[in-house]
PDB file of N, CA and C in Angstrom:
ATOM      1  N   MET A   1      -5.644  10.551  -2.899  1.00  0.00           N
ATOM      2  CA  MET A   1      -4.305  11.328  -3.025  1.00  0.00           C
ATOM      3  C   MET A   1      -3.256  10.459  -2.277  1.00  0.00           C
ATOM      4  N   ARG A   2      -2.025  10.720  -3.083  1.00  0.00           N
ATOM      5  CA  ARG A   2      -0.861  10.031  -2.278  1.00  0.00           C
ATOM      6  C   ARG A   2       0.345  11.152  -2.672  1.00  0.00           C
ATOM      7  N   LEU A   3       0.895  11.347  -1.617  1.00  0.00           N
ATOM      8  CA  LEU A   3       2.289  12.288  -1.365  1.00  0.00           C
ATOM      9  C   LEU A   3       3.217  11.783  -0.956  1.00  0.00           C
ATOM     10  N   MET A   4       4.336  11.622  -2.067  1.00  0.00           N
ATOM     11  CA  MET A   4       5.565  10.993  -1.377  1.00  0.00           C
ATOM     12  C   MET A   4       6.585  12.233  -1.229  1.00  0.00           C
ATOM     13  N   LEU A   5       7.328  12.343  -0.107  1.00  0.00           N
ATOM     14  CA  LEU A   5       8.395  13.173  -0.035  1.00  0.00           C
ATOM     15  C   LEU A   5       9.776  12.608   0.370  1.00  0.00           C
ATOM     16  N   TYR A   6      10.844  12.956  -0.284  1.00  0.00           N
ATOM     17  CA  TYR A   6      12.132  12.333  -0.112  1.00  0.00           C
ATOM     18  C   TYR A   6      13.191  13.329   0.306  1.00  0.00           C
ATOM     19  N   PRO A   7      13.228  13.880   1.651  1.00  0.00           N
ATOM     20  CA  PRO A   7      14.002  14.917   1.912  1.00  0.00           C
ATOM     21  C   PRO A   7      15.551  14.179   2.077  1.00  0.00           C
ATOM     22  N   THR A   8      16.592  14.854   1.632  1.00  0.00           N
ATOM     23  CA  THR A   8      18.014  14.604   1.672  1.00  0.00           C
ATOM     24  C   THR A   8      18.784  15.874   2.054  1.00  0.00           C
ATOM     25  N   TRP A   9      19.432  15.647   3.151  1.00  0.00           N
ATOM     26  CA  TRP A   9      20.295  16.607   3.689  1.00  0.00           C
ATOM     27  C   TRP A   9      21.782  16.309   3.840  1.00  0.00           C
ATOM     28  N   LYS A  10      22.716  16.777   3.089  1.00  0.00           N
ATOM     29  CA  LYS A  10      24.026  16.591   3.344  1.00  0.00           C
ATOM     30  C   LYS A  10      24.670  17.569   4.480  1.00  0.00           C
ATOM     31  N   LEU A  11      25.089  16.966   5.492  1.00  0.00           N
ATOM     32  CA  LEU A  11      25.405  17.444   6.953  1.00  0.00           C
ATOM     33  C   LEU A  11      26.829  17.811   6.790  1.00  0.00           C
ATOM     34  N   SER A  12      27.554  17.277   6.185  1.00  0.00           N
ATOM     35  CA  SER A  12      29.091  17.676   6.216  1.00  0.00           C
ATOM     36  C   SER A  12      29.676  16.632   4.983  1.00  0.00           C
ATOM     37  N   ASP A  13      30.896  16.611   4.843  1.00  0.00           N
ATOM     38  CA  ASP A  13      31.699  16.131   3.737  1.00  0.00           C
ATOM     39  C   ASP A  13      31.380  14.524   3.778  1.00  0.00           C
ATOM     40  N   HIS A  14      31.213  14.187   4.938  1.00  0.00           N
ATOM     41  CA  HIS A  14      30.975  12.573   5.140  1.00  0.00           C
ATOM     42  C   HIS A  14      29.598  12.173   5.642  1.00  0.00           C
ATOM     43  N   TRP A  15      28.794  13.144   6.149  1.00  0.00           N
ATOM     44  CA  TRP A  15      27.740  12.793   6.769  1.00  0.00           C
ATOM     45  C   TRP A  15      26.295  13.171   6.075  1.00  0.00           C
ATOM     46  N   MET A  16      25.264  12.354   5.669  1.00  0.00           N
ATOM     47  CA  MET A  16      24.052  12.756   5.084  1.00  0.00           C
ATOM     48  C   MET A  16      22.769  11.944   5.740  1.00  0.00           C
ATOM     49  N   PHE A  17      21.787  12.764   5.570  1.00  0.00           N
ATOM     50  CA  PHE A  17      20.462  12.237   6.041  1.00  0.00           C
ATOM     51  C   PHE A  17      19.688  12.082   4.933  1.00  0.00           C
ATOM     52  N   TYR A  18      18.768  10.749   5.008  1.00  0.00           N
ATOM     53  CA  TYR A  18      17.883  10.640   3.769  1.00  0.00           C
ATOM     54  C   TYR A  18      16.448   9.997   4.319  1.00  0.00           C
ATOM     55  N   GLY A  19      15.332  10.507   3.772  1.00  0.00           N
ATOM     56  CA  GLY A  19      14.089   9.948   4.229  1.00  0.00           C
ATOM     57  C   GLY A  19      13.191   9.836   3.103  1.00  0.00           C
ATOM     58  N   ALA A  20      12.094   9.145   3.235  1.00  0.00           N
ATOM     59  CA  ALA A  20      11.117   8.975   2.265  1.00  0.00           C
ATOM     60  C   ALA A  20       9.712   8.963   3.428  1.00  0.00           C
ATOM     61  N   TYR A  21       8.865   9.897   3.230  1.00  0.00           N
ATOM     62  CA  TYR A  21       7.900  10.119   3.751  1.00  0.00           C
ATOM     63  C   TYR A  21       6.473   9.835   2.916  1.00  0.00           C
ATOM     64  N   GLN A  22       5.554   9.231   3.151  1.00  0.00           N
ATOM     65  CA  GLN A  22       4.420   9.038   2.448  1.00  0.00           C
ATOM     66  C   GLN A  22       3.121   9.521   3.428  1.00  0.00           C
ATOM     67  N   THR A  23       2.299  10.324   2.597  1.00  0.00           N
ATOM     68  CA  THR A  23       0.935  10.608   3.065  1.00  0.00           C
ATOM     69  C   THR A  23      -0.181  10.091   2.034  1.00  0.00           C
ATOM     70  N   VAL A  24      -1.211   9.342   2.756  1.00  0.00           N
ATOM     71  CA  VAL A  24      -2.162   8.859   1.876  1.00  0.00           C
ATOM     72  C   VAL A  24      -3.487   9.217   2.217  1.00  0.00           C
ATOM     73  N   SER A  25      -4.493   9.570   1.556  1.00  0.00           N
ATOM     74  CA  SER A  25      -5.723   9.913   1.979  1.00  0.00           C
ATOM     75  C   SER A  25      -6.637   8.685   2.035  1.00  0.00           C
ATOM     76  N   HIS A  26      -7.573   8.450   2.692  1.00  0.00           N
ATOM     77  CA  HIS A  26      -8.258   7.465   2.603  1.00  0.00           C
ATOM     78  C   HIS A  26      -9.967   7.922   2.368  1.00  0.00           C
ATOM     79  N   PRO A  27     -10.657   7.287   1.535  1.00  0.00           N
ATOM     80  CA  PRO A  27     -10.049   6.089   0.794  1.00  0.00           C
ATOM     81  C   PRO A  27      -9.199   6.563  -0.253  1.00  0.00           C
ATOM     82  N   TYR A  28      -8.289   5.621  -0.463  1.00  0.00           N
ATOM     83  CA  TYR A  28      -7.413   5.806  -1.559  1.00  0.00           C
ATOM     84  C   TYR A  28      -7.400   4.643  -2.472  1.00  0.00           C
ATOM     85  N   TYR A  29      -7.207   3.400  -1.971  1.00  0.00           N
ATOM     86  CA  TYR A  29      -7.457   2.339  -2.767  1.00  0.00           C
ATOM     87  C   TYR A  29      -8.732   1.969  -2.876  1.00  0.00           C
ATOM     88  N   TYR A  30      -9.176   1.153  -4.050  1.00  0.00           N
ATOM     89  CA  TYR A  30     -10.495   0.671  -4.402  1.00  0.00           C
ATOM     90  C   TYR A  30     -11.384   0.010  -3.047  1.00  0.00           C
ATOM     91  N   SER A  31     -10.413  -0.918  -2.650  1.00  0.00           N
ATOM     92  CA  SER A  31     -11.104  -1.795  -1.450  1.00  0.00           C
ATOM     93  C   SER A  31     -11.485  -0.937  -0.567  1.00  0.00           C
ATOM     94  N   GLN A  32     -10.955   0.330  -0.183  1.00  0.00           N
ATOM     95  CA  GLN A  32     -11.197   1.163   1.024  1.00  0.00           C
ATOM     96  C   GLN A  32     -12.301   2.073   0.692  1.00  0.00           C
ATOM     97  N   PHE A  33     -13.214   1.950  -0.423  1.00  0.00           N
ATOM     98  CA  PHE A  33     -14.172   2.767  -0.702  1.00  0.00           C
ATOM     99  C   PHE A  33     -15.589   2.567   0.222  1.00  0.00           C
ATOM    100  N   GLU A  34     -15.534   1.367   0.852  1.00  0.00           N
ATOM    101  CA  GLU A  34     -16.616   0.764   1.367  1.00  0.00           C
ATOM    102  C   GLU A  34     -16.505   1.248   2.852  1.00  0.00           C
ATOM    103  N   MET A  35     -15.164   1.630   3.445  1.00  0.00           N
ATOM    104  CA  MET A  35     -15.017   2.235   4.810  1.00  0.00           C
ATOM    105  C   MET A  35     -15.658   3.561   4.826  1.00  0.00           C
ATOM    106  N   GLN A  36     -15.960   3.632   6.134  1.00  0.00           N
ATOM    107  CA  GLN A  36     -16.591   5.151   6.645  1.00  0.00           C
ATOM    108  C   GLN A  36     -15.763   6.135   6.808  1.00  0.00           C
ATOM    109  N   GLY A  37     -15.759   7.361   6.618  1.00  0.00           N
ATOM    110  CA  GLY A  37     -14.793   8.399   6.880  1.00  0.00           C
ATOM    111  C   GLY A  37     -13.845   8.881   5.731  1.00  0.00           C
ATOM    112  N   HIS A  38     -13.294   9.992   5.944  1.00  0.00           N
ATOM    113  CA  HIS A  38     -12.215  10.326   5.134  1.00  0.00           C
ATOM    114  C   HIS A  38     -11.168  10.921   5.758  1.00  0.00           C
ATOM    115  N   GLY A  39     -10.130  10.984   5.647  1.00  0.00           N
ATOM    116  CA  GLY A  39      -8.947  11.478   6.266  1.00  0.00           C
ATOM    117  C   GLY A  39      -7.469  11.509   5.467  1.00  0.00           C
ATOM    118  N   LEU A  40      -6.386  11.650   6.379  1.00  0.00           N
ATOM    119  CA  LEU A  40      -5.130  11.542   5.908  1.00  0.00           C
ATOM    120  C   LEU A  40      -4.309  10.590   6.900  1.00  0.00           C
ATOM    121  N   ARG A  41      -3.263   9.718   6.332  1.00  0.00           N
ATOM    122  CA  ARG A  41      -2.547   9.018   7.263  1.00  0.00           C
ATOM    123  C   ARG A  41      -1.028   9.219   6.622  1.00  0.00           C
ATOM    124  N   GLY A  42      -0.045   9.385   7.547  1.00  0.00           N
ATOM    125  CA  GLY A  42       1.231   9.418   6.957  1.00  0.00           C
ATOM    126  C   GLY A  42       2.123   8.470   7.576  1.00  0.00           C
ATOM    127  N   ASN A  43       3.156   8.127   7.054  1.00  0.00           N
ATOM    128  CA  ASN A  43       4.151   7.278   7.876  1.00  0.00           C
ATOM    129  C   ASN A  43       5.588   7.493   7.071  1.00  0.00           C
ATOM    130  N   LEU A  44       6.549   7.223   8.035  1.00  0.00           N
ATOM    131  CA  LEU A  44       8.103   7.128   7.511  1.00  0.00           C
ATOM    132  C   LEU A  44       8.282   5.908   6.927  1.00  0.00           C
ATOM    133  N   VAL A  45       8.422   5.818   5.614  1.00  0.00           N
ATOM    134  CA  VAL A  45       8.788   4.661   4.814  1.00  0.00           C
ATOM    135  C   VAL A  45      10.147   4.177   5.031  1.00  0.00           C
ATOM    136  N   GLN A  46      11.207   5.166   4.794  1.00  0.00           N
ATOM    137  CA  GLN A  46      12.429   4.997   5.122  1.00  0.00           C
ATOM    138  C   GLN A  46      13.218   6.133   5.519  1.00  0.00           C
ATOM    139  N   GLY A  47      14.392   6.088   6.640  1.00  0.00           N
ATOM    140  CA  GLY A  47      15.123   7.059   7.067  1.00  0.00           C
ATOM    141  C   GLY A  47      16.044   6.727   7.771  1.00  0.00           C
ATOM    142  N   TYR A  48      17.039   7.288   7.130  1.00  0.00           N
ATOM    143  CA  TYR A  48      18.632   6.723   7.801  1.00  0.00           C
ATOM    144  C   TYR A  48      19.689   7.945   7.784  1.00  0.00           C
ATOM    145  N   LEU A  49      20.692   7.771   8.539  1.00  0.00           N
ATOM    146  CA  LEU A  49      21.876   8.580   8.609  1.00  0.00           C
ATOM    147  C   LEU A  49      23.066   7.807   8.107  1.00  0.00           C
ATOM    148  N   SER A  50      23.701   8.295   7.004  1.00  0.00           N
ATOM    149  CA  SER A  50      24.722   7.653   6.326  1.00  0.00           C
ATOM    150  C   SER A  50      26.204   8.486   6.754  1.00  0.00           C
ATOM    151  N   TYR A  51      27.114   7.406   6.638  1.00  0.00           N
ATOM    152  CA  TYR A  51      28.623   8.132   6.758  1.00  0.00           C
ATOM    153  C   TYR A  51      29.358   7.471   5.534  1.00  0.00           C
ATOM    154  N   THR A  52      29.845   8.346   4.850  1.00  0.00           N
ATOM    155  CA  THR A  52      30.695   7.786   3.653  1.00  0.00           C
ATOM    156  C   THR A  52      32.186   8.306   3.724  1.00  0.00           C
ATOM    157  N   LYS A  53      33.007   7.411   3.413  1.00  0.00           N
ATOM    158  CA  LYS A  53      34.632   7.716   3.205  1.00  0.00           C
ATOM    159  C   LYS A  53      35.042   7.140   1.973  1.00  0.00           C
ATOM    160  N   VAL A  54      35.576   7.940   1.124  1.00  0.00           N
ATOM    161  CA  VAL A  54      36.122   7.617  -0.076  1.00  0.00           C
ATOM    162  C   VAL A  54      37.628   7.888  -0.238  1.00  0.00           C
ATOM    163  N   TRP A  55      38.211   6.823  -0.744  1.00  0.00           N
ATOM    164  CA  TRP A  55      39.836   6.846  -0.830  1.00  0.00           C
ATOM    165  C   TRP A  55      40.046   6.857  -2.252  1.00  0.00           C
ATOM    166  N   ASN A  56      41.100   6.917  -2.566  1.00  0.00           N
ATOM    167  CA  ASN A  56      41.715   6.657  -4.056  1.00  0.00           C
ATOM    168  C   ASN A  56      41.352   5.338  -4.529  1.00  0.00           C
ATOM    169  N   ASP A  57      41.452   4.346  -4.056  1.00  0.00           N
ATOM    170  CA  ASP A  57      40.868   3.058  -4.497  1.00  0.00           C
ATOM    171  C   ASP A  57      39.924   2.166  -3.935  1.00  0.00           C
ATOM    172  N   ALA A  58      39.083   2.918  -2.795  1.00  0.00           N
ATOM    173  CA  ALA A  58      38.402   2.247  -2.070  1.00  0.00           C
ATOM    174  C   ALA A  58      37.443   3.082  -1.491  1.00  0.00           C
ATOM    175  N   SER A  59      36.184   2.821  -1.071  1.00  0.00           N
ATOM    176  CA  SER A  59      35.335   3.341  -0.301  1.00  0.00           C
ATOM    177  C   SER A  59      34.278   2.585   0.892  1.00  0.00           C
ATOM    178  N   VAL A  60      33.898   3.383   1.922  1.00  0.00           N
ATOM    179  CA  VAL A  60      33.238   2.788   2.894  1.00  0.00           C
ATOM    180  C   VAL A  60      31.955   3.547   3.000  1.00  0.00           C
ATOM    181  N   GLN A  61      30.717   2.928   3.055  1.00  0.00           N
ATOM    182  CA  GLN A  61      29.570   3.564   3.542  1.00  0.00           C
ATOM    183  C   GLN A  61      28.756   2.846   4.574  1.00  0.00           C
ATOM    184  N   VAL A  62      28.359   3.441   5.533  1.00  0.00           N
ATOM    185  CA  VAL A  62      27.655   2.803   6.754  1.00  0.00           C
ATOM    186  C   VAL A  62      26.233   3.475   6.849  1.00  0.00           C
ATOM    187  N   LYS A  63      25.244   2.731   6.735  1.00  0.00           N
ATOM    188  CA  LYS A  63      23.694   3.409   6.845  1.00  0.00           C
ATOM    189  C   LYS A  63      23.245   2.790   8.157  1.00  0.00           C
ATOM    190  N   VAL A  64      22.791   3.681   9.241  1.00  0.00           N
ATOM    191  CA  VAL A  64      21.725   3.349  10.359  1.00  0.00           C
ATOM    192  C   VAL A  64      20.528   4.161  10.095  1.00  0.00           C
ATOM    193  N   GLY A  65      19.521   3.291  10.450  1.00  0.00           N
ATOM    194  CA  GLY A  65      18.237   3.772  10.611  1.00  0.00           C
ATOM    195  C   GLY A  65      16.911   2.880  10.125  1.00  0.00           C
ATOM    196  N   GLN A  66      15.919   3.266   9.523  1.00  0.00           N
ATOM    197  CA  GLN A  66      14.846   2.534   9.142  1.00  0.00           C
ATOM    198  C   GLN A  66      15.122   2.299   7.648  1.00  0.00           C
ATOM    199  N   LEU A  67      15.589   1.080   6.976  1.00  0.00           N
ATOM    200  CA  LEU A  67      15.836   1.004   5.847  1.00  0.00           C
ATOM    201  C   LEU A  67      14.621   0.055   5.335  1.00  0.00           C
ATOM    202  N   SER A  68      14.413   0.428   3.886  1.00  0.00           N
ATOM    203  CA  SER A  68      13.200  -0.233   3.361  1.00  0.00           C
ATOM    204  C   SER A  68      13.654  -1.741   2.879  1.00  0.00           C
ATOM    205  N   SER A  69      12.903  -2.622   2.881  1.00  0.00           N
ATOM    206  CA  SER A  69      13.185  -4.176   2.627  1.00  0.00           C
ATOM    207  C   SER A  69      13.383  -4.398   1.008  1.00  0.00           C
ATOM    208  N   ALA A  70      14.011  -5.197   0.654  1.00  0.00           N
ATOM    209  CA  ALA A  70      14.137  -5.648  -0.660  1.00  0.00           C
ATOM    210  C   ALA A  70      13.175  -6.362  -1.267  1.00  0.00           C
ATOM    211  N   PHE A  71      12.394  -6.988  -0.460  1.00  0.00           N
ATOM    212  CA  PHE A  71      11.276  -7.775  -0.722  1.00  0.00           C
ATOM    213  C   PHE A  71       9.779  -7.114  -0.485  1.00  0.00           C
TER     214      PHE A  71
END
């Protein structure tokens, strides 16, 4: 089993929180079936706080937190 959660909270007109949390049961992948035991493992894949400001002809967005890699 694999469960992905993507909570998003708009805190105000400019502030937002976004996250990606994953829970995986083991064994989940085929290579793990030789391992002993069963269970669940969870981790934060991505989580950040962002500030966005929009004007008539421009915008700015700043993100701080654990961002996922592009590679």
